[in-house]
């Protein structure tokens, strides 16, 4: 059974940084690698895709509002991905969820446009104060 576990959320002032971690387990790896990424959901808003990475080729995808501030990276040895978030603003405040599609790529970034078909973590809160 696939499990996805996040860690690393917290509270920070505007302009600060946080690093989120996510690890997936409980599956058999193939040469395709996985697509893993982060979504977020603020109170009263829909869940939205933030960043994703194909763990095989290492291609990355970002939503426009975080490009240049957030960096997603991977550690294939640990089946883990990381989201380094810099220059945080109050608008980044949300519950952040890690999601994984196993033994597939990110479909050219389409992974971030769909909420269906992913394995989800439990979420980690990020709060940015002004």
N, C-alpha and C. Protein backbone atom coordinates (compact mmCIF):
# COMPACT_ATOMS: atom_id res chain seq x y z
N UNK A 1 0.85 -1.19 0.00
CA UNK A 1 0.00 0.00 0.00
C UNK A 1 0.89 1.24 0.00
N UNK A 2 0.63 2.13 -0.95
CA UNK A 2 1.44 3.33 -1.07
C UNK A 2 1.13 4.28 0.08
N UNK A 3 2.18 4.81 0.69
CA UNK A 3 2.04 5.81 1.74
C UNK A 3 2.85 7.04 1.35
N UNK A 4 2.28 8.20 1.61
CA UNK A 4 2.94 9.47 1.35
C UNK A 4 2.93 10.26 2.65
N UNK A 5 4.11 10.71 3.07
CA UNK A 5 4.24 11.38 4.36
C UNK A 5 5.00 12.69 4.18
N UNK A 6 4.40 13.78 4.64
CA UNK A 6 5.05 15.08 4.56
C UNK A 6 5.57 15.50 5.92
N UNK A 7 6.48 16.46 5.88
CA UNK A 7 6.95 17.09 7.12
C UNK A 7 7.53 18.45 6.76
N UNK A 8 7.70 19.30 7.76
CA UNK A 8 8.44 20.53 7.57
C UNK A 8 7.64 21.81 7.56
N UNK A 9 6.34 21.76 7.75
CA UNK A 9 5.59 22.99 7.78
C UNK A 9 5.90 23.80 9.03
N UNK A 10 5.28 24.96 9.14
CA UNK A 10 5.49 25.79 10.31
C UNK A 10 5.04 27.20 10.06
N UNK A 11 5.44 28.08 10.96
CA UNK A 11 5.08 29.49 10.87
C UNK A 11 6.32 30.32 10.63
N UNK A 12 6.20 31.33 9.78
CA UNK A 12 7.33 32.18 9.45
C UNK A 12 6.80 33.57 9.10
N UNK A 13 7.63 34.55 9.22
CA UNK A 13 7.25 35.90 8.83
C UNK A 13 7.46 36.08 7.33
N UNK A 14 6.75 37.03 6.79
CA UNK A 14 6.87 37.34 5.36
C UNK A 14 8.33 37.59 5.00
N UNK A 15 8.73 37.02 3.86
CA UNK A 15 10.11 37.12 3.44
C UNK A 15 10.97 35.96 3.89
N UNK A 16 10.44 35.15 4.78
CA UNK A 16 11.19 34.02 5.30
C UNK A 16 11.13 32.81 4.40
N UNK A 17 11.71 31.72 4.90
CA UNK A 17 11.82 30.49 4.12
C UNK A 17 11.39 29.29 4.95
N UNK A 18 10.89 28.29 4.26
CA UNK A 18 10.59 27.00 4.84
C UNK A 18 10.93 25.91 3.84
N UNK A 19 11.20 24.71 4.35
CA UNK A 19 11.49 23.58 3.49
C UNK A 19 10.57 22.43 3.88
N UNK A 20 9.82 21.95 2.89
CA UNK A 20 8.94 20.82 3.10
C UNK A 20 9.59 19.55 2.54
N UNK A 21 9.34 18.45 3.20
CA UNK A 21 9.84 17.15 2.75
C UNK A 21 8.69 16.19 2.55
N UNK A 22 8.87 15.27 1.63
CA UNK A 22 7.83 14.27 1.36
C UNK A 22 8.51 12.98 0.95
N UNK A 23 8.04 11.88 1.50
CA UNK A 23 8.57 10.58 1.14
C UNK A 23 7.43 9.64 0.79
N UNK A 24 7.64 8.85 -0.24
CA UNK A 24 6.65 7.85 -0.64
C UNK A 24 7.22 6.45 -0.43
N UNK A 25 6.39 5.54 -0.02
CA UNK A 25 6.83 4.17 0.22
C UNK A 25 5.71 3.20 -0.10
N UNK A 26 6.05 1.90 -0.08
CA UNK A 26 5.02 0.89 -0.26
C UNK A 26 4.73 0.54 -1.70
N UNK A 27 5.69 0.78 -2.61
CA UNK A 27 5.49 0.45 -4.01
C UNK A 27 6.77 -0.14 -4.58
N UNK A 28 6.64 -0.76 -5.74
CA UNK A 28 7.80 -1.32 -6.43
C UNK A 28 8.24 -0.36 -7.52
N UNK A 29 9.48 0.06 -7.45
CA UNK A 29 9.98 1.05 -8.41
C UNK A 29 10.21 0.42 -9.78
N UNK A 30 10.02 1.24 -10.82
CA UNK A 30 10.40 0.86 -12.18
C UNK A 30 11.27 1.98 -12.74
N UNK A 31 11.73 1.79 -13.97
CA UNK A 31 12.60 2.80 -14.57
C UNK A 31 11.84 4.08 -14.90
N UNK A 32 10.50 4.04 -14.85
CA UNK A 32 9.75 5.26 -15.17
C UNK A 32 9.93 6.34 -14.11
N UNK A 33 10.20 5.91 -12.87
CA UNK A 33 10.19 6.87 -11.79
C UNK A 33 8.77 7.25 -11.45
N UNK A 34 8.63 8.28 -10.64
CA UNK A 34 7.32 8.75 -10.19
C UNK A 34 7.15 10.21 -10.54
N UNK A 35 5.91 10.67 -10.47
CA UNK A 35 5.65 12.10 -10.44
C UNK A 35 5.24 12.43 -9.02
N UNK A 36 5.95 13.35 -8.41
CA UNK A 36 5.61 13.76 -7.04
C UNK A 36 5.56 15.28 -6.99
N UNK A 37 4.66 15.78 -6.19
CA UNK A 37 4.52 17.22 -6.14
C UNK A 37 3.74 17.70 -4.95
N UNK A 38 3.51 18.99 -4.95
CA UNK A 38 2.85 19.65 -3.84
C UNK A 38 1.63 20.43 -4.31
N UNK A 39 0.58 20.28 -3.55
CA UNK A 39 -0.63 21.08 -3.72
C UNK A 39 -0.83 21.86 -2.43
N UNK A 40 -1.66 22.89 -2.49
CA UNK A 40 -1.99 23.63 -1.28
C UNK A 40 -3.45 24.05 -1.29
N UNK A 41 -3.98 24.22 -0.10
CA UNK A 41 -5.36 24.64 0.03
C UNK A 41 -5.49 25.63 1.18
N UNK A 42 -5.88 26.83 0.84
CA UNK A 42 -6.12 27.86 1.84
C UNK A 42 -7.58 27.80 2.27
N UNK A 43 -7.90 28.30 3.46
CA UNK A 43 -9.29 28.26 3.92
C UNK A 43 -10.23 28.93 2.93
N UNK A 44 -11.30 28.24 2.59
CA UNK A 44 -12.29 28.79 1.69
C UNK A 44 -11.91 28.77 0.23
N UNK A 45 -10.78 28.18 -0.09
CA UNK A 45 -10.33 28.13 -1.49
C UNK A 45 -10.16 26.69 -1.94
N UNK A 46 -10.10 26.52 -3.25
CA UNK A 46 -9.90 25.20 -3.82
C UNK A 46 -8.42 24.80 -3.70
N UNK A 47 -8.21 23.49 -3.68
CA UNK A 47 -6.85 22.98 -3.68
C UNK A 47 -6.20 23.28 -5.04
N UNK A 48 -4.95 23.72 -5.02
CA UNK A 48 -4.28 24.08 -6.26
C UNK A 48 -2.88 23.45 -6.30
N UNK A 49 -2.45 23.12 -7.52
CA UNK A 49 -1.12 22.57 -7.70
C UNK A 49 -0.07 23.65 -7.56
N UNK A 50 1.04 23.30 -6.93
CA UNK A 50 2.11 24.26 -6.66
C UNK A 50 3.37 23.93 -7.46
N UNK A 51 3.88 22.72 -7.31
CA UNK A 51 5.10 22.32 -7.99
C UNK A 51 5.13 20.81 -8.09
N UNK A 52 5.79 20.31 -9.12
CA UNK A 52 5.90 18.87 -9.32
C UNK A 52 7.23 18.54 -9.96
N UNK A 53 7.65 17.29 -9.78
CA UNK A 53 8.91 16.84 -10.37
C UNK A 53 8.75 15.40 -10.82
N UNK A 54 9.27 15.11 -12.00
CA UNK A 54 9.35 13.73 -12.47
C UNK A 54 10.64 13.15 -11.90
N UNK A 55 10.55 12.15 -11.05
CA UNK A 55 11.76 11.66 -10.37
C UNK A 55 12.69 10.91 -11.30
N UNK A 56 12.19 10.48 -12.45
CA UNK A 56 13.06 9.85 -13.43
C UNK A 56 13.95 10.88 -14.10
N UNK A 57 13.41 11.64 -15.05
CA UNK A 57 14.23 12.63 -15.76
C UNK A 57 14.52 13.90 -14.97
N UNK A 58 13.78 14.15 -13.88
CA UNK A 58 14.03 15.33 -13.08
C UNK A 58 13.39 16.60 -13.60
N UNK A 59 12.44 16.48 -14.52
CA UNK A 59 11.76 17.67 -15.03
C UNK A 59 10.89 18.26 -13.93
N UNK A 60 10.86 19.59 -13.89
CA UNK A 60 10.10 20.28 -12.85
C UNK A 60 9.02 21.16 -13.46
N UNK A 61 7.97 21.38 -12.68
CA UNK A 61 6.84 22.18 -13.12
C UNK A 61 6.38 23.04 -11.94
N UNK A 62 6.01 24.29 -12.22
CA UNK A 62 5.60 25.22 -11.18
C UNK A 62 4.37 26.01 -11.60
N UNK A 63 3.55 26.39 -10.62
CA UNK A 63 2.52 27.37 -10.93
C UNK A 63 3.20 28.73 -11.00
N UNK A 64 2.62 29.63 -11.76
CA UNK A 64 3.28 30.91 -12.05
C UNK A 64 3.59 31.70 -10.78
N UNK A 65 2.69 31.66 -9.81
CA UNK A 65 2.85 32.52 -8.63
C UNK A 65 4.01 32.12 -7.72
N UNK A 66 4.55 30.92 -7.91
CA UNK A 66 5.66 30.50 -7.05
C UNK A 66 6.97 30.34 -7.82
N UNK A 67 6.89 30.41 -9.15
CA UNK A 67 8.11 30.22 -9.95
C UNK A 67 9.13 31.30 -9.59
N UNK A 68 10.37 30.87 -9.36
CA UNK A 68 11.42 31.80 -8.96
C UNK A 68 11.56 31.95 -7.45
N UNK A 69 10.54 31.53 -6.69
CA UNK A 69 10.60 31.59 -5.23
C UNK A 69 10.68 30.18 -4.63
N UNK A 70 9.99 29.24 -5.24
CA UNK A 70 9.97 27.86 -4.75
C UNK A 70 10.82 26.99 -5.65
N UNK A 71 11.48 26.00 -5.05
CA UNK A 71 12.28 25.04 -5.81
C UNK A 71 11.95 23.64 -5.33
N UNK A 72 11.57 22.78 -6.28
CA UNK A 72 11.30 21.39 -5.94
C UNK A 72 12.50 20.56 -6.36
N UNK A 73 12.89 19.62 -5.53
CA UNK A 73 14.03 18.77 -5.83
C UNK A 73 13.75 17.35 -5.35
N UNK A 74 14.63 16.42 -5.72
CA UNK A 74 14.38 15.02 -5.40
C UNK A 74 15.61 14.33 -4.88
N UNK A 75 15.37 13.26 -4.16
CA UNK A 75 16.44 12.37 -3.71
C UNK A 75 15.94 10.97 -4.00
N UNK A 76 16.33 10.43 -5.13
CA UNK A 76 15.80 9.13 -5.55
C UNK A 76 16.19 8.00 -4.59
N UNK A 77 17.33 8.16 -3.95
CA UNK A 77 17.76 7.11 -3.02
C UNK A 77 16.78 6.95 -1.87
N UNK A 78 16.16 8.05 -1.47
CA UNK A 78 15.22 8.02 -0.35
C UNK A 78 13.78 8.10 -0.80
N UNK A 79 13.54 8.04 -2.13
CA UNK A 79 12.18 8.21 -2.65
C UNK A 79 11.54 9.47 -2.06
N UNK A 80 12.30 10.54 -1.99
CA UNK A 80 11.84 11.76 -1.34
C UNK A 80 11.91 12.95 -2.28
N UNK A 81 11.05 13.90 -2.04
CA UNK A 81 11.11 15.18 -2.73
C UNK A 81 11.05 16.28 -1.69
N UNK A 82 11.57 17.43 -2.07
CA UNK A 82 11.64 18.57 -1.16
C UNK A 82 11.11 19.81 -1.86
N UNK A 83 10.51 20.70 -1.09
CA UNK A 83 10.05 21.97 -1.62
C UNK A 83 10.70 23.07 -0.79
N UNK A 84 11.66 23.76 -1.38
CA UNK A 84 12.28 24.90 -0.72
C UNK A 84 11.48 26.13 -1.08
N UNK A 85 10.94 26.79 -0.06
CA UNK A 85 10.08 27.94 -0.28
C UNK A 85 10.77 29.17 0.29
N UNK A 86 11.10 30.10 -0.59
CA UNK A 86 11.77 31.35 -0.20
C UNK A 86 10.85 32.53 -0.48
N UNK A 87 11.19 33.65 0.11
CA UNK A 87 10.43 34.90 -0.10
C UNK A 87 8.94 34.67 0.10
N UNK A 88 8.60 34.00 1.18
CA UNK A 88 7.20 33.66 1.45
C UNK A 88 6.38 34.91 1.72
N UNK A 89 5.13 34.86 1.29
CA UNK A 89 4.18 35.95 1.52
C UNK A 89 2.96 35.38 2.24
N UNK A 90 2.15 36.24 2.85
CA UNK A 90 0.93 35.73 3.49
C UNK A 90 0.02 34.96 2.54
N UNK A 91 0.11 35.27 1.25
CA UNK A 91 -0.72 34.55 0.27
C UNK A 91 -0.29 33.10 0.11
N UNK A 92 0.88 32.74 0.63
CA UNK A 92 1.33 31.35 0.58
C UNK A 92 0.79 30.53 1.75
N UNK A 93 0.11 31.18 2.67
CA UNK A 93 -0.45 30.47 3.82
C UNK A 93 -1.50 29.46 3.36
N UNK A 94 -1.32 28.21 3.75
CA UNK A 94 -2.23 27.15 3.33
C UNK A 94 -1.80 25.84 3.97
N UNK A 95 -2.66 24.84 3.85
CA UNK A 95 -2.26 23.47 4.13
C UNK A 95 -1.61 22.93 2.87
N UNK A 96 -0.41 22.42 3.00
CA UNK A 96 0.32 21.90 1.85
C UNK A 96 0.26 20.37 1.88
N UNK A 97 -0.11 19.81 0.74
CA UNK A 97 -0.25 18.37 0.60
C UNK A 97 0.74 17.84 -0.43
N UNK A 98 1.43 16.79 -0.08
CA UNK A 98 2.26 16.08 -1.05
C UNK A 98 1.40 15.05 -1.77
N UNK A 99 1.64 14.90 -3.05
CA UNK A 99 0.91 13.92 -3.84
C UNK A 99 1.87 13.15 -4.72
N UNK A 100 1.53 11.91 -5.01
CA UNK A 100 2.40 11.07 -5.81
C UNK A 100 1.60 10.26 -6.80
N UNK A 101 2.13 10.17 -8.01
CA UNK A 101 1.66 9.22 -9.01
C UNK A 101 2.81 8.24 -9.22
N UNK A 102 2.54 6.97 -9.06
CA UNK A 102 3.61 5.98 -9.01
C UNK A 102 3.88 5.41 -10.39
N UNK A 103 5.16 5.27 -10.71
CA UNK A 103 5.62 4.65 -11.96
C UNK A 103 5.01 5.32 -13.18
N UNK A 104 5.05 6.64 -13.17
CA UNK A 104 4.60 7.43 -14.31
C UNK A 104 5.28 8.80 -14.24
N UNK A 105 5.22 9.53 -15.33
CA UNK A 105 5.80 10.87 -15.29
C UNK A 105 4.72 11.89 -14.98
N UNK A 106 5.08 13.18 -15.10
CA UNK A 106 4.14 14.23 -14.71
C UNK A 106 3.25 14.70 -15.85
N UNK A 107 3.29 13.99 -16.97
CA UNK A 107 2.39 14.30 -18.10
C UNK A 107 2.50 15.76 -18.51
N UNK A 108 3.74 16.23 -18.62
CA UNK A 108 3.96 17.59 -19.07
C UNK A 108 3.41 18.64 -18.13
N UNK A 109 3.27 18.32 -16.87
CA UNK A 109 2.76 19.27 -15.91
C UNK A 109 1.28 19.12 -15.64
N UNK A 110 0.61 18.25 -16.39
CA UNK A 110 -0.83 18.05 -16.18
C UNK A 110 -1.12 17.52 -14.78
N UNK A 111 -0.14 16.89 -14.17
CA UNK A 111 -0.27 16.41 -12.79
C UNK A 111 -0.80 17.50 -11.88
N UNK A 112 -0.35 18.75 -12.07
CA UNK A 112 -0.73 19.85 -11.19
C UNK A 112 -2.13 20.37 -11.46
N UNK A 113 -2.71 19.99 -12.58
CA UNK A 113 -4.03 20.49 -12.96
C UNK A 113 -5.16 19.57 -12.52
N UNK A 114 -4.80 18.41 -11.99
CA UNK A 114 -5.81 17.42 -11.63
C UNK A 114 -5.67 17.04 -10.16
N UNK A 115 -6.81 16.89 -9.49
CA UNK A 115 -6.81 16.44 -8.10
C UNK A 115 -7.07 14.95 -7.99
N UNK A 116 -7.40 14.30 -9.09
CA UNK A 116 -7.76 12.90 -9.05
C UNK A 116 -6.59 11.99 -9.37
N UNK A 117 -6.65 10.77 -8.87
CA UNK A 117 -5.69 9.74 -9.23
C UNK A 117 -4.38 9.79 -8.49
N UNK A 118 -4.24 10.67 -7.51
CA UNK A 118 -2.97 10.77 -6.77
C UNK A 118 -3.06 10.04 -5.44
N UNK A 119 -1.91 9.61 -4.95
CA UNK A 119 -1.79 9.23 -3.55
C UNK A 119 -1.45 10.50 -2.77
N UNK A 120 -2.16 10.71 -1.67
CA UNK A 120 -2.02 11.97 -0.92
C UNK A 120 -1.41 11.74 0.45
N UNK A 121 -0.63 12.73 0.90
CA UNK A 121 -0.20 12.77 2.28
C UNK A 121 -1.27 13.44 3.14
N UNK A 122 -0.96 13.54 4.42
CA UNK A 122 -1.95 14.05 5.37
C UNK A 122 -1.97 15.57 5.43
N UNK A 123 -0.96 16.21 4.87
CA UNK A 123 -0.91 17.67 4.85
C UNK A 123 -0.05 18.23 5.96
N UNK A 124 0.55 19.37 5.69
CA UNK A 124 1.34 20.08 6.69
C UNK A 124 1.05 21.58 6.54
N UNK A 125 0.82 22.25 7.66
CA UNK A 125 0.39 23.64 7.63
C UNK A 125 1.58 24.58 7.45
N UNK A 126 1.41 25.55 6.56
CA UNK A 126 2.37 26.64 6.38
C UNK A 126 1.63 27.94 6.65
N UNK A 127 2.14 28.72 7.59
CA UNK A 127 1.52 29.98 7.94
C UNK A 127 2.56 31.09 7.82
N UNK A 128 2.23 32.10 7.03
CA UNK A 128 3.14 33.23 6.81
C UNK A 128 2.47 34.49 7.33
N UNK A 129 3.09 35.13 8.28
CA UNK A 129 2.53 36.34 8.87
C UNK A 129 3.19 37.58 8.28
N UNK A 130 2.41 38.66 8.24
CA UNK A 130 2.92 39.89 7.64
C UNK A 130 3.63 40.74 8.67
